[in-house]
Amino acid sequence: MSATNDKIRGNWNQLKGKVKEQYGELTDNDLAYEEGQEDQLIGRLQEKLGQTKEEVTNWINSL
């Protein structure tokens, strides 16, 4: 399990607010998270933001 997955699992509801502040175009559906579905969440963010998986995970870790 990666540090990013741990961070998502641990406090995604808090992080979600920061994400919405930075990327207002993301919807609740884009940010929906279910335990064990971290890769799907990262994939949706990649698609919406036009970034690589590494860029998305680095960004999440910086929050």
N, C-alpha and C. Protein backbone atom coordinates (compact mmCIF):
# COMPACT_ATOMS: atom_id res chain seq x y z
N MET A 1 0.85 -1.18 0.00
CA MET A 1 0.00 0.00 0.00
C MET A 1 0.90 1.24 0.00
N SER A 2 0.56 2.23 -0.79
CA SER A 2 1.39 3.42 -0.90
C SER A 2 0.97 4.49 0.11
N ALA A 3 1.84 5.46 0.27
CA ALA A 3 1.55 6.57 1.18
C ALA A 3 0.34 7.35 0.70
N THR A 4 0.18 7.45 -0.61
CA THR A 4 -0.97 8.15 -1.17
C THR A 4 -2.26 7.45 -0.79
N ASN A 5 -2.28 6.13 -0.93
CA ASN A 5 -3.47 5.36 -0.55
C ASN A 5 -3.78 5.54 0.93
N ASP A 6 -2.75 5.52 1.76
CA ASP A 6 -2.95 5.74 3.20
C ASP A 6 -3.55 7.11 3.47
N LYS A 7 -3.05 8.10 2.76
CA LYS A 7 -3.54 9.47 2.96
C LYS A 7 -5.00 9.58 2.52
N ILE A 8 -5.34 8.98 1.40
CA ILE A 8 -6.72 9.01 0.91
C ILE A 8 -7.63 8.31 1.91
N ARG A 9 -7.24 7.15 2.35
CA ARG A 9 -8.06 6.39 3.30
C ARG A 9 -8.24 7.13 4.61
N GLY A 10 -7.17 7.76 5.07
CA GLY A 10 -7.19 8.37 6.39
C GLY A 10 -8.01 9.63 6.51
N ASN A 11 -7.97 10.47 5.53
CA ASN A 11 -8.64 11.76 5.68
C ASN A 11 -9.13 12.35 4.36
N TRP A 12 -9.72 11.54 3.52
CA TRP A 12 -10.17 12.02 2.22
C TRP A 12 -11.23 13.11 2.34
N ASN A 13 -12.14 13.00 3.30
CA ASN A 13 -13.18 14.02 3.44
C ASN A 13 -12.58 15.39 3.71
N GLN A 14 -11.52 15.47 4.49
CA GLN A 14 -10.86 16.74 4.74
C GLN A 14 -10.11 17.21 3.50
N LEU A 15 -9.42 16.30 2.84
CA LEU A 15 -8.66 16.66 1.65
C LEU A 15 -9.57 17.12 0.51
N LYS A 16 -10.76 16.53 0.46
CA LYS A 16 -11.69 16.85 -0.63
C LYS A 16 -11.99 18.35 -0.68
N GLY A 17 -12.11 18.99 0.47
CA GLY A 17 -12.35 20.43 0.50
C GLY A 17 -11.21 21.22 -0.12
N LYS A 18 -9.98 20.82 0.19
CA LYS A 18 -8.81 21.48 -0.40
C LYS A 18 -8.76 21.27 -1.90
N VAL A 19 -9.12 20.06 -2.32
CA VAL A 19 -9.12 19.74 -3.75
C VAL A 19 -10.13 20.63 -4.48
N LYS A 20 -11.32 20.77 -3.91
CA LYS A 20 -12.36 21.60 -4.54
C LYS A 20 -11.94 23.06 -4.60
N GLU A 21 -11.22 23.54 -3.58
CA GLU A 21 -10.73 24.92 -3.60
C GLU A 21 -9.78 25.13 -4.76
N GLN A 22 -8.91 24.18 -4.98
CA GLN A 22 -7.89 24.32 -6.01
C GLN A 22 -8.43 24.03 -7.41
N TYR A 23 -9.35 23.07 -7.51
CA TYR A 23 -9.91 22.68 -8.80
C TYR A 23 -11.43 22.70 -8.71
N GLY A 24 -12.00 23.88 -8.82
CA GLY A 24 -13.44 24.06 -8.68
C GLY A 24 -14.27 23.33 -9.72
N GLU A 25 -13.64 22.91 -10.82
CA GLU A 25 -14.39 22.22 -11.87
C GLU A 25 -14.68 20.76 -11.53
N LEU A 26 -14.03 20.23 -10.49
CA LEU A 26 -14.26 18.84 -10.10
C LEU A 26 -15.60 18.72 -9.37
N THR A 27 -16.34 17.70 -9.70
CA THR A 27 -17.65 17.48 -9.09
C THR A 27 -17.55 16.48 -7.94
N ASP A 28 -18.63 16.35 -7.17
CA ASP A 28 -18.67 15.35 -6.11
C ASP A 28 -18.49 13.95 -6.69
N ASN A 29 -19.03 13.71 -7.88
CA ASN A 29 -18.86 12.40 -8.52
C ASN A 29 -17.39 12.14 -8.87
N ASP A 30 -16.68 13.17 -9.30
CA ASP A 30 -15.26 13.03 -9.61
C ASP A 30 -14.47 12.67 -8.35
N LEU A 31 -14.92 13.19 -7.22
CA LEU A 31 -14.19 13.03 -5.97
C LEU A 31 -14.75 11.93 -5.08
N ALA A 32 -15.70 11.17 -5.60
CA ALA A 32 -16.29 10.08 -4.81
C ALA A 32 -15.22 9.04 -4.50
N TYR A 33 -15.21 8.60 -3.25
CA TYR A 33 -14.21 7.62 -2.83
C TYR A 33 -14.86 6.53 -2.00
N GLU A 34 -14.54 5.31 -2.33
CA GLU A 34 -14.95 4.16 -1.54
C GLU A 34 -13.70 3.42 -1.14
N GLU A 35 -13.69 2.90 0.08
CA GLU A 35 -12.53 2.17 0.59
C GLU A 35 -12.09 1.09 -0.41
N GLY A 36 -10.81 1.05 -0.67
CA GLY A 36 -10.26 0.08 -1.61
C GLY A 36 -10.31 0.51 -3.06
N GLN A 37 -10.84 1.70 -3.33
CA GLN A 37 -10.98 2.18 -4.70
C GLN A 37 -10.07 3.37 -4.99
N GLU A 38 -8.92 3.41 -4.34
CA GLU A 38 -8.01 4.55 -4.50
C GLU A 38 -7.55 4.70 -5.94
N ASP A 39 -7.25 3.58 -6.61
CA ASP A 39 -6.76 3.66 -7.99
C ASP A 39 -7.82 4.25 -8.92
N GLN A 40 -9.08 3.93 -8.70
CA GLN A 40 -10.14 4.49 -9.53
C GLN A 40 -10.26 6.00 -9.31
N LEU A 41 -10.15 6.43 -8.06
CA LEU A 41 -10.19 7.86 -7.76
C LEU A 41 -9.04 8.57 -8.45
N ILE A 42 -7.85 8.04 -8.32
CA ILE A 42 -6.69 8.66 -8.96
C ILE A 42 -6.86 8.68 -10.48
N GLY A 43 -7.42 7.63 -11.05
CA GLY A 43 -7.68 7.59 -12.49
C GLY A 43 -8.66 8.67 -12.93
N ARG A 44 -9.73 8.86 -12.15
CA ARG A 44 -10.70 9.93 -12.48
C ARG A 44 -10.03 11.29 -12.42
N LEU A 45 -9.21 11.51 -11.40
CA LEU A 45 -8.52 12.80 -11.28
C LEU A 45 -7.54 13.00 -12.42
N GLN A 46 -6.83 11.94 -12.82
CA GLN A 46 -5.92 12.02 -13.97
C GLN A 46 -6.67 12.48 -15.21
N GLU A 47 -7.80 11.84 -15.46
CA GLU A 47 -8.58 12.14 -16.65
C GLU A 47 -9.09 13.57 -16.63
N LYS A 48 -9.65 14.00 -15.50
CA LYS A 48 -10.23 15.34 -15.41
C LYS A 48 -9.17 16.43 -15.46
N LEU A 49 -8.01 16.18 -14.83
CA LEU A 49 -6.99 17.21 -14.71
C LEU A 49 -5.96 17.15 -15.83
N GLY A 50 -5.98 16.07 -16.62
CA GLY A 50 -5.01 15.93 -17.70
C GLY A 50 -3.59 15.77 -17.20
N GLN A 51 -3.43 15.07 -16.07
CA GLN A 51 -2.12 14.88 -15.49
C GLN A 51 -1.78 13.40 -15.44
N THR A 52 -0.50 13.12 -15.23
CA THR A 52 -0.07 11.74 -15.10
C THR A 52 -0.42 11.23 -13.70
N LYS A 53 -0.36 9.91 -13.54
CA LYS A 53 -0.61 9.32 -12.22
C LYS A 53 0.38 9.86 -11.20
N GLU A 54 1.63 9.98 -11.59
CA GLU A 54 2.66 10.50 -10.69
C GLU A 54 2.35 11.93 -10.27
N GLU A 55 1.93 12.76 -11.21
CA GLU A 55 1.59 14.14 -10.89
C GLU A 55 0.42 14.21 -9.90
N VAL A 56 -0.59 13.38 -10.13
CA VAL A 56 -1.76 13.37 -9.24
C VAL A 56 -1.37 12.89 -7.85
N THR A 57 -0.59 11.81 -7.77
CA THR A 57 -0.23 11.29 -6.45
C THR A 57 0.69 12.26 -5.72
N ASN A 58 1.60 12.90 -6.42
CA ASN A 58 2.46 13.91 -5.78
C ASN A 58 1.63 15.07 -5.26
N TRP A 59 0.65 15.49 -6.03
CA TRP A 59 -0.22 16.59 -5.63
C TRP A 59 -1.03 16.21 -4.39
N ILE A 60 -1.61 15.00 -4.37
CA ILE A 60 -2.37 14.55 -3.21
C ILE A 60 -1.46 14.51 -1.98
N ASN A 61 -0.26 14.00 -2.15
CA ASN A 61 0.67 13.92 -1.02
C ASN A 61 1.09 15.29 -0.51
N SER A 62 1.02 16.31 -1.36
CA SER A 62 1.42 17.65 -0.94
C SER A 62 0.32 18.39 -0.17
N LEU A 63 -0.89 17.85 -0.21
CA LEU A 63 -1.99 18.51 0.49
C LEU A 63 -1.88 18.35 1.99
